[in-house]
PDB file of N, CA and C in Angstrom:
ATOM      1  N   TYR A   1      -4.160 -24.756 -31.739  1.00  0.00           N
ATOM      2  CA  TYR A   1      -4.529 -26.114 -32.016  1.00  0.00           C
ATOM      3  C   TYR A   1      -3.320 -26.990 -31.771  1.00  0.00           C
ATOM      4  N   GLY A   2      -3.450 -28.010 -31.003  1.00  0.00           N
ATOM      5  CA  GLY A   2      -2.330 -28.906 -30.772  1.00  0.00           C
ATOM      6  C   GLY A   2      -2.611 -29.886 -29.659  1.00  0.00           C
ATOM      7  N   GLN A   3      -1.701 -30.796 -29.504  1.00  0.00           N
ATOM      8  CA  GLN A   3      -1.826 -31.856 -28.516  1.00  0.00           C
ATOM      9  C   GLN A   3      -1.736 -31.298 -27.102  1.00  0.00           C
ATOM     10  N   THR A   4      -2.429 -31.923 -26.157  1.00  0.00           N
ATOM     11  CA  THR A   4      -2.349 -31.550 -24.760  1.00  0.00           C
ATOM     12  C   THR A   4      -0.899 -31.610 -24.297  1.00  0.00           C
ATOM     13  N   GLY A   5      -0.467 -30.562 -23.613  1.00  0.00           N
ATOM     14  CA  GLY A   5       0.887 -30.521 -23.077  1.00  0.00           C
ATOM     15  C   GLY A   5       1.949 -30.063 -24.066  1.00  0.00           C
ATOM     16  N   ALA A   6       1.506 -29.597 -25.239  1.00  0.00           N
ATOM     17  CA  ALA A   6       2.472 -29.193 -26.264  1.00  0.00           C
ATOM     18  C   ALA A   6       3.028 -27.789 -26.042  1.00  0.00           C
ATOM     19  N   GLY A   7       2.412 -27.002 -25.145  1.00  0.00           N
ATOM     20  CA  GLY A   7       2.928 -25.671 -24.844  1.00  0.00           C
ATOM     21  C   GLY A   7       2.137 -24.524 -25.437  1.00  0.00           C
ATOM     22  N   LYS A   8       0.899 -24.764 -25.840  1.00  0.00           N
ATOM     23  CA  LYS A   8       0.087 -23.703 -26.443  1.00  0.00           C
ATOM     24  C   LYS A   8      -0.152 -22.563 -25.451  1.00  0.00           C
ATOM     25  N   THR A   9      -0.570 -22.870 -24.242  1.00  0.00           N
ATOM     26  CA  THR A   9      -0.832 -21.844 -23.235  1.00  0.00           C
ATOM     27  C   THR A   9       0.445 -21.110 -22.875  1.00  0.00           C
ATOM     28  N   HIS A  10       1.524 -21.833 -22.714  1.00  0.00           N
ATOM     29  CA  HIS A  10       2.807 -21.193 -22.381  1.00  0.00           C
ATOM     30  C   HIS A  10       3.229 -20.237 -23.494  1.00  0.00           C
ATOM     31  N   THR A  11       3.035 -20.629 -24.740  1.00  0.00           N
ATOM     32  CA  THR A  11       3.378 -19.763 -25.868  1.00  0.00           C
ATOM     33  C   THR A  11       2.549 -18.493 -25.841  1.00  0.00           C
ATOM     34  N   MET A  12       1.270 -18.608 -25.539  1.00  0.00           N
ATOM     35  CA  MET A  12       0.383 -17.447 -25.538  1.00  0.00           C
ATOM     36  C   MET A  12       0.575 -16.563 -24.312  1.00  0.00           C
ATOM     37  N   GLU A  13       0.749 -17.155 -23.130  1.00  0.00           N
ATOM     38  CA  GLU A  13       0.797 -16.384 -21.889  1.00  0.00           C
ATOM     39  C   GLU A  13       2.202 -16.248 -21.323  1.00  0.00           C
ATOM     40  N   GLY A  14       2.996 -17.314 -21.369  1.00  0.00           N
ATOM     41  CA  GLY A  14       4.341 -17.278 -20.810  1.00  0.00           C
ATOM     42  C   GLY A  14       4.315 -17.077 -19.308  1.00  0.00           C
ATOM     43  N   VAL A  15       5.400 -16.500 -18.782  1.00  0.00           N
ATOM     44  CA  VAL A  15       5.499 -16.140 -17.367  1.00  0.00           C
ATOM     45  C   VAL A  15       5.960 -14.685 -17.294  1.00  0.00           C
ATOM     46  N   ASN A  16       5.672 -13.997 -16.181  1.00  0.00           N
ATOM     47  CA  ASN A  16       6.001 -12.572 -16.075  1.00  0.00           C
ATOM     48  C   ASN A  16       7.501 -12.300 -15.997  1.00  0.00           C
ATOM     49  N   GLU A  17       8.192 -13.076 -15.247  1.00  0.00           N
ATOM     50  CA  GLU A  17       9.625 -12.845 -15.056  1.00  0.00           C
ATOM     51  C   GLU A  17      10.400 -14.123 -15.314  1.00  0.00           C
ATOM     52  N   PRO A  18      11.505 -14.075 -15.979  1.00  0.00           N
ATOM     53  CA  PRO A  18      12.109 -12.917 -16.634  1.00  0.00           C
ATOM     54  C   PRO A  18      11.313 -12.519 -17.873  1.00  0.00           C
ATOM     55  N   SER A  19      11.482 -11.276 -18.304  1.00  0.00           N
ATOM     56  CA  SER A  19      10.676 -10.737 -19.406  1.00  0.00           C
ATOM     57  C   SER A  19      10.869 -11.519 -20.704  1.00  0.00           C
ATOM     58  N   GLU A  20      11.990 -12.198 -20.855  1.00  0.00           N
ATOM     59  CA  GLU A  20      12.233 -12.999 -22.059  1.00  0.00           C
ATOM     60  C   GLU A  20      11.278 -14.180 -22.167  1.00  0.00           C
ATOM     61  N   LEU A  21      10.635 -14.552 -21.063  1.00  0.00           N
ATOM     62  CA  LEU A  21       9.728 -15.698 -21.061  1.00  0.00           C
ATOM     63  C   LEU A  21       8.259 -15.297 -21.134  1.00  0.00           C
ATOM     64  N   ARG A  22       7.997 -13.998 -21.352  1.00  0.00           N
ATOM     65  CA  ARG A  22       6.610 -13.575 -21.537  1.00  0.00           C
ATOM     66  C   ARG A  22       6.103 -14.082 -22.873  1.00  0.00           C
ATOM     67  N   GLY A  23       4.828 -14.385 -22.927  1.00  0.00           N
ATOM     68  CA  GLY A  23       4.245 -14.956 -24.137  1.00  0.00           C
ATOM     69  C   GLY A  23       3.772 -13.913 -25.132  1.00  0.00           C
ATOM     70  N   ILE A  24       3.097 -14.395 -26.153  1.00  0.00           N
ATOM     71  CA  ILE A  24       2.618 -13.538 -27.237  1.00  0.00           C
ATOM     72  C   ILE A  24       1.642 -12.482 -26.727  1.00  0.00           C
ATOM     73  N   ILE A  25       0.718 -12.840 -25.855  1.00  0.00           N
ATOM     74  CA  ILE A  25      -0.303 -11.897 -25.393  1.00  0.00           C
ATOM     75  C   ILE A  25       0.305 -10.743 -24.597  1.00  0.00           C
ATOM     76  N   PRO A  26       1.089 -10.985 -23.544  1.00  0.00           N
ATOM     77  CA  PRO A  26       1.652  -9.839 -22.814  1.00  0.00           C
ATOM     78  C   PRO A  26       2.606  -9.005 -23.678  1.00  0.00           C
ATOM     79  N   ASN A  27       3.349  -9.631 -24.563  1.00  0.00           N
ATOM     80  CA  ASN A  27       4.233  -8.864 -25.441  1.00  0.00           C
ATOM     81  C   ASN A  27       3.449  -8.000 -26.410  1.00  0.00           C
ATOM     82  N   THR A  28       2.325  -8.514 -26.904  1.00  0.00           N
ATOM     83  CA  THR A  28       1.480  -7.740 -27.807  1.00  0.00           C
ATOM     84  C   THR A  28       0.912  -6.518 -27.100  1.00  0.00           C
ATOM     85  N   PHE A  29       0.375  -6.719 -25.889  1.00  0.00           N
ATOM     86  CA  PHE A  29      -0.169  -5.589 -25.141  1.00  0.00           C
ATOM     87  C   PHE A  29       0.913  -4.564 -24.816  1.00  0.00           C
ATOM     88  N   GLU A  30       2.088  -5.022 -24.452  1.00  0.00           N
ATOM     89  CA  GLU A  30       3.194  -4.094 -24.176  1.00  0.00           C
ATOM     90  C   GLU A  30       3.517  -3.271 -25.419  1.00  0.00           C
ATOM     91  N   HIS A  31       3.585  -3.914 -26.565  1.00  0.00           N
ATOM     92  CA  HIS A  31       3.880  -3.224 -27.813  1.00  0.00           C
ATOM     93  C   HIS A  31       2.800  -2.182 -28.131  1.00  0.00           C
ATOM     94  N   ILE A  32       1.545  -2.561 -28.001  1.00  0.00           N
ATOM     95  CA  ILE A  32       0.436  -1.643 -28.295  1.00  0.00           C
ATOM     96  C   ILE A  32       0.481  -0.429 -27.376  1.00  0.00           C
ATOM     97  N   PHE A  33       0.598  -0.656 -26.061  1.00  0.00           N
ATOM     98  CA  PHE A  33       0.543   0.455 -25.129  1.00  0.00           C
ATOM     99  C   PHE A  33       1.821   1.290 -25.141  1.00  0.00           C
ATOM    100  N   ASP A  34       2.958   0.714 -25.480  1.00  0.00           N
ATOM    101  CA  ASP A  34       4.176   1.520 -25.683  1.00  0.00           C
ATOM    102  C   ASP A  34       3.991   2.458 -26.869  1.00  0.00           C
ATOM    103  N   HIS A  35       3.400   1.963 -27.940  1.00  0.00           N
ATOM    104  CA  HIS A  35       3.130   2.788 -29.117  1.00  0.00           C
ATOM    105  C   HIS A  35       2.168   3.928 -28.763  1.00  0.00           C
ATOM    106  N   ILE A  36       1.129   3.616 -28.011  1.00  0.00           N
ATOM    107  CA  ILE A  36       0.167   4.641 -27.602  1.00  0.00           C
ATOM    108  C   ILE A  36       0.853   5.686 -26.737  1.00  0.00           C
ATOM    109  N   ALA A  37       1.685   5.252 -25.795  1.00  0.00           N
ATOM    110  CA  ALA A  37       2.380   6.192 -24.914  1.00  0.00           C
ATOM    111  C   ALA A  37       3.273   7.149 -25.701  1.00  0.00           C
ATOM    112  N   LEU A  38       3.890   6.672 -26.751  1.00  0.00           N
ATOM    113  CA  LEU A  38       4.775   7.517 -27.563  1.00  0.00           C
ATOM    114  C   LEU A  38       4.007   8.494 -28.444  1.00  0.00           C
ATOM    115  N   ASN A  39       2.770   8.170 -28.792  1.00  0.00           N
ATOM    116  CA  ASN A  39       2.015   8.971 -29.750  1.00  0.00           C
ATOM    117  C   ASN A  39       0.763   9.627 -29.176  1.00  0.00           C
ATOM    118  N   SER A  40       0.505   9.469 -27.889  1.00  0.00           N
ATOM    119  CA  SER A  40      -0.768   9.932 -27.331  1.00  0.00           C
ATOM    120  C   SER A  40      -0.838  11.451 -27.171  1.00  0.00           C
ATOM    121  N   ALA A  41       0.281  12.162 -27.324  1.00  0.00           N
ATOM    122  CA  ALA A  41       0.246  13.619 -27.201  1.00  0.00           C
ATOM    123  C   ALA A  41      -0.582  14.251 -28.315  1.00  0.00           C
ATOM    124  N   HIS A  42      -0.590  13.649 -29.487  1.00  0.00           N
ATOM    125  CA  HIS A  42      -1.315  14.233 -30.613  1.00  0.00           C
ATOM    126  C   HIS A  42      -2.357  13.297 -31.230  1.00  0.00           C
ATOM    127  N   ASP A  43      -2.449  12.087 -30.761  1.00  0.00           N
ATOM    128  CA  ASP A  43      -3.423  11.126 -31.273  1.00  0.00           C
ATOM    129  C   ASP A  43      -4.247  10.561 -30.119  1.00  0.00           C
ATOM    130  N   LYS A  44      -5.479  10.143 -30.445  1.00  0.00           N
ATOM    131  CA  LYS A  44      -6.325   9.457 -29.471  1.00  0.00           C
ATOM    132  C   LYS A  44      -6.504   8.026 -29.928  1.00  0.00           C
ATOM    133  N   TYR A  45      -6.609   7.112 -28.973  1.00  0.00           N
ATOM    134  CA  TYR A  45      -6.727   5.695 -29.280  1.00  0.00           C
ATOM    135  C   TYR A  45      -7.886   5.080 -28.506  1.00  0.00           C
ATOM    136  N   LEU A  46      -8.507   4.098 -29.122  1.00  0.00           N
ATOM    137  CA  LEU A  46      -9.495   3.253 -28.467  1.00  0.00           C
ATOM    138  C   LEU A  46      -9.004   1.825 -28.639  1.00  0.00           C
ATOM    139  N   VAL A  47      -8.778   1.149 -27.539  1.00  0.00           N
ATOM    140  CA  VAL A  47      -8.266  -0.225 -27.591  1.00  0.00           C
ATOM    141  C   VAL A  47      -9.362  -1.163 -27.113  1.00  0.00           C
ATOM    142  N   ARG A  48      -9.655  -2.157 -27.928  1.00  0.00           N
ATOM    143  CA  ARG A  48     -10.603  -3.202 -27.560  1.00  0.00           C
ATOM    144  C   ARG A  48      -9.892  -4.530 -27.692  1.00  0.00           C
ATOM    145  N   ALA A  49     -10.195  -5.432 -26.784  1.00  0.00           N
ATOM    146  CA  ALA A  49      -9.534  -6.733 -26.815  1.00  0.00           C
ATOM    147  C   ALA A  49     -10.547  -7.847 -26.606  1.00  0.00           C
ATOM    148  N   SER A  50     -10.312  -8.945 -27.282  1.00  0.00           N
ATOM    149  CA  SER A  50     -11.089 -10.167 -27.097  1.00  0.00           C
ATOM    150  C   SER A  50     -10.105 -11.295 -26.833  1.00  0.00           C
ATOM    151  N   TYR A  51     -10.521 -12.201 -25.999  1.00  0.00           N
ATOM    152  CA  TYR A  51      -9.664 -13.329 -25.654  1.00  0.00           C
ATOM    153  C   TYR A  51     -10.571 -14.560 -25.639  1.00  0.00           C
ATOM    154  N   PHE A  52     -10.507 -15.337 -26.702  1.00  0.00           N
ATOM    155  CA  PHE A  52     -11.386 -16.494 -26.853  1.00  0.00           C
ATOM    156  C   PHE A  52     -10.613 -17.794 -26.723  1.00  0.00           C
ATOM    157  N   GLU A  53     -11.314 -18.791 -26.252  1.00  0.00           N
ATOM    158  CA  GLU A  53     -10.762 -20.142 -26.173  1.00  0.00           C
ATOM    159  C   GLU A  53     -11.677 -21.053 -26.986  1.00  0.00           C
ATOM    160  N   ILE A  54     -11.085 -21.894 -27.799  1.00  0.00           N
ATOM    161  CA  ILE A  54     -11.835 -22.927 -28.510  1.00  0.00           C
ATOM    162  C   ILE A  54     -11.359 -24.257 -27.939  1.00  0.00           C
ATOM    163  N   TYR A  55     -12.254 -24.966 -27.286  1.00  0.00           N
ATOM    164  CA  TYR A  55     -11.911 -26.231 -26.638  1.00  0.00           C
ATOM    165  C   TYR A  55     -13.074 -27.186 -26.829  1.00  0.00           C
ATOM    166  N   ASN A  56     -12.789 -28.375 -27.317  1.00  0.00           N
ATOM    167  CA  ASN A  56     -13.834 -29.370 -27.592  1.00  0.00           C
ATOM    168  C   ASN A  56     -14.962 -28.766 -28.429  1.00  0.00           C
ATOM    169  N   GLU A  57     -14.583 -28.003 -29.426  1.00  0.00           N
ATOM    170  CA  GLU A  57     -15.521 -27.368 -30.356  1.00  0.00           C
ATOM    171  C   GLU A  57     -16.479 -26.396 -29.676  1.00  0.00           C
ATOM    172  N   GLU A  58     -16.125 -25.885 -28.498  1.00  0.00           N
ATOM    173  CA  GLU A  58     -16.891 -24.867 -27.785  1.00  0.00           C
ATOM    174  C   GLU A  58     -16.054 -23.591 -27.780  1.00  0.00           C
ATOM    175  N   ILE A  59     -16.694 -22.454 -28.018  1.00  0.00           N
ATOM    176  CA  ILE A  59     -16.020 -21.168 -28.013  1.00  0.00           C
ATOM    177  C   ILE A  59     -16.410 -20.436 -26.734  1.00  0.00           C
ATOM    178  N   ARG A  60     -15.405 -19.982 -25.977  1.00  0.00           N
ATOM    179  CA  ARG A  60     -15.664 -19.244 -24.737  1.00  0.00           C
ATOM    180  C   ARG A  60     -14.919 -17.922 -24.771  1.00  0.00           C
ATOM    181  N   ASP A  61     -15.575 -16.854 -24.276  1.00  0.00           N
ATOM    182  CA  ASP A  61     -14.946 -15.547 -24.127  1.00  0.00           C
ATOM    183  C   ASP A  61     -14.296 -15.522 -22.748  1.00  0.00           C
ATOM    184  N   LEU A  62     -12.980 -15.545 -22.702  1.00  0.00           N
ATOM    185  CA  LEU A  62     -12.276 -15.629 -21.425  1.00  0.00           C
ATOM    186  C   LEU A  62     -12.266 -14.309 -20.657  1.00  0.00           C
ATOM    187  N   LEU A  63     -12.661 -13.202 -21.283  1.00  0.00           N
ATOM    188  CA  LEU A  63     -12.726 -11.914 -20.598  1.00  0.00           C
ATOM    189  C   LEU A  63     -14.121 -11.577 -20.097  1.00  0.00           C
ATOM    190  N   SER A  64     -15.098 -12.394 -20.430  1.00  0.00           N
ATOM    191  CA  SER A  64     -16.474 -12.128 -20.025  1.00  0.00           C
ATOM    192  C   SER A  64     -16.685 -12.453 -18.548  1.00  0.00           C
ATOM    193  N   PRO A  65     -17.315 -11.530 -17.809  1.00  0.00           N
ATOM    194  CA  PRO A  65     -17.596 -11.830 -16.394  1.00  0.00           C
ATOM    195  C   PRO A  65     -18.715 -12.859 -16.237  1.00  0.00           C
ATOM    196  N   GLN A  66     -19.531 -13.041 -17.289  1.00  0.00           N
ATOM    197  CA  GLN A  66     -20.633 -14.009 -17.242  1.00  0.00           C
ATOM    198  C   GLN A  66     -20.162 -15.309 -17.875  1.00  0.00           C
ATOM    199  N   LYS A  67     -19.997 -16.318 -17.068  1.00  0.00           N
ATOM    200  CA  LYS A  67     -19.542 -17.622 -17.558  1.00  0.00           C
ATOM    201  C   LYS A  67     -20.728 -18.416 -18.068  1.00  0.00           C
ATOM    202  N   SER A  68     -20.702 -18.709 -19.351  1.00  0.00           N
ATOM    203  CA  SER A  68     -21.794 -19.455 -19.970  1.00  0.00           C
ATOM    204  C   SER A  68     -21.447 -20.936 -20.002  1.00  0.00           C
ATOM    205  N   ALA A  69     -22.409 -21.767 -19.642  1.00  0.00           N
ATOM    206  CA  ALA A  69     -22.177 -23.210 -19.626  1.00  0.00           C
ATOM    207  C   ALA A  69     -22.138 -23.787 -21.034  1.00  0.00           C
ATOM    208  N   HIS A  70     -22.767 -23.123 -21.997  1.00  0.00           N
ATOM    209  CA  HIS A  70     -22.862 -23.678 -23.343  1.00  0.00           C
ATOM    210  C   HIS A  70     -21.922 -23.001 -24.352  1.00  0.00           C
ATOM    211  N   GLY A  71     -21.155 -22.009 -23.963  1.00  0.00           N
ATOM    212  CA  GLY A  71     -20.227 -21.353 -24.881  1.00  0.00           C
ATOM    213  C   GLY A  71     -20.922 -20.348 -25.779  1.00  0.00           C
ATOM    214  N   LEU A  72     -20.156 -19.763 -26.670  1.00  0.00           N
ATOM    215  CA  LEU A  72     -20.678 -18.765 -27.601  1.00  0.00           C
ATOM    216  C   LEU A  72     -21.200 -19.428 -28.861  1.00  0.00           C
ATOM    217  N   GLU A  73     -22.112 -18.752 -29.508  1.00  0.00           N
ATOM    218  CA  GLU A  73     -22.699 -19.272 -30.737  1.00  0.00           C
ATOM    219  C   GLU A  73     -21.912 -18.734 -31.924  1.00  0.00           C
ATOM    220  N   LEU A  74     -21.540 -19.605 -32.835  1.00  0.00           N
ATOM    221  CA  LEU A  74     -20.863 -19.214 -34.059  1.00  0.00           C
ATOM    222  C   LEU A  74     -21.913 -18.947 -35.116  1.00  0.00           C
ATOM    223  N   LYS A  75     -21.856 -17.750 -35.720  1.00  0.00           N
ATOM    224  CA  LYS A  75     -22.862 -17.383 -36.711  1.00  0.00           C
ATOM    225  C   LYS A  75     -22.165 -17.157 -38.040  1.00  0.00           C
ATOM    226  N   GLU A  76     -22.794 -17.659 -39.098  1.00  0.00           N
ATOM    227  CA  GLU A  76     -22.270 -17.483 -40.445  1.00  0.00           C
ATOM    228  C   GLU A  76     -23.300 -16.765 -41.291  1.00  0.00           C
ATOM    229  N   SER A  77     -22.802 -15.967 -42.216  1.00  0.00           N
ATOM    230  CA  SER A  77     -23.658 -15.246 -43.154  1.00  0.00           C
ATOM    231  C   SER A  77     -23.061 -15.367 -44.549  1.00  0.00           C
ATOM    232  N   SER A  78     -23.876 -15.592 -45.530  1.00  0.00           N
ATOM    233  CA  SER A  78     -23.357 -15.691 -46.896  1.00  0.00           C
ATOM    234  C   SER A  78     -22.820 -14.353 -47.375  1.00  0.00           C
ATOM    235  N   ASP A  79     -23.261 -13.247 -46.763  1.00  0.00           N
ATOM    236  CA  ASP A  79     -22.797 -11.910 -47.147  1.00  0.00           C
ATOM    237  C   ASP A  79     -21.485 -11.518 -46.474  1.00  0.00           C
ATOM    238  N   SER A  80     -21.373 -11.817 -45.180  1.00  0.00           N
ATOM    239  CA  SER A  80     -20.215 -11.322 -44.432  1.00  0.00           C
ATOM    240  C   SER A  80     -19.300 -12.417 -43.887  1.00  0.00           C
ATOM    241  N   GLY A  81     -19.625 -13.661 -44.080  1.00  0.00           N
ATOM    242  CA  GLY A  81     -18.790 -14.757 -43.589  1.00  0.00           C
ATOM    243  C   GLY A  81     -19.094 -15.089 -42.141  1.00  0.00           C
ATOM    244  N   VAL A  82     -18.077 -15.471 -41.405  1.00  0.00           N
ATOM    245  CA  VAL A  82     -18.255 -15.872 -40.004  1.00  0.00           C
ATOM    246  C   VAL A  82     -18.270 -14.654 -39.113  1.00  0.00           C
TER     247      VAL A  82
END
């Protein structure tokens, strides 16, 4: 959440090189897969990822191959929350 041009995308994605300028997302994936590589000899892992964008009160799944014109539906339940 923030003003246009404030650096939200850069913070999340960064740039590939130099590695010090990589953002939160690539660093997170590197950390996860480095951990898996160190422990995969005796453990099994299932990794699932979601990448959502909230823009103008519309939610979009950025990893979905099907681009929806109306965005995703937000559902709430009194039992389980959002």
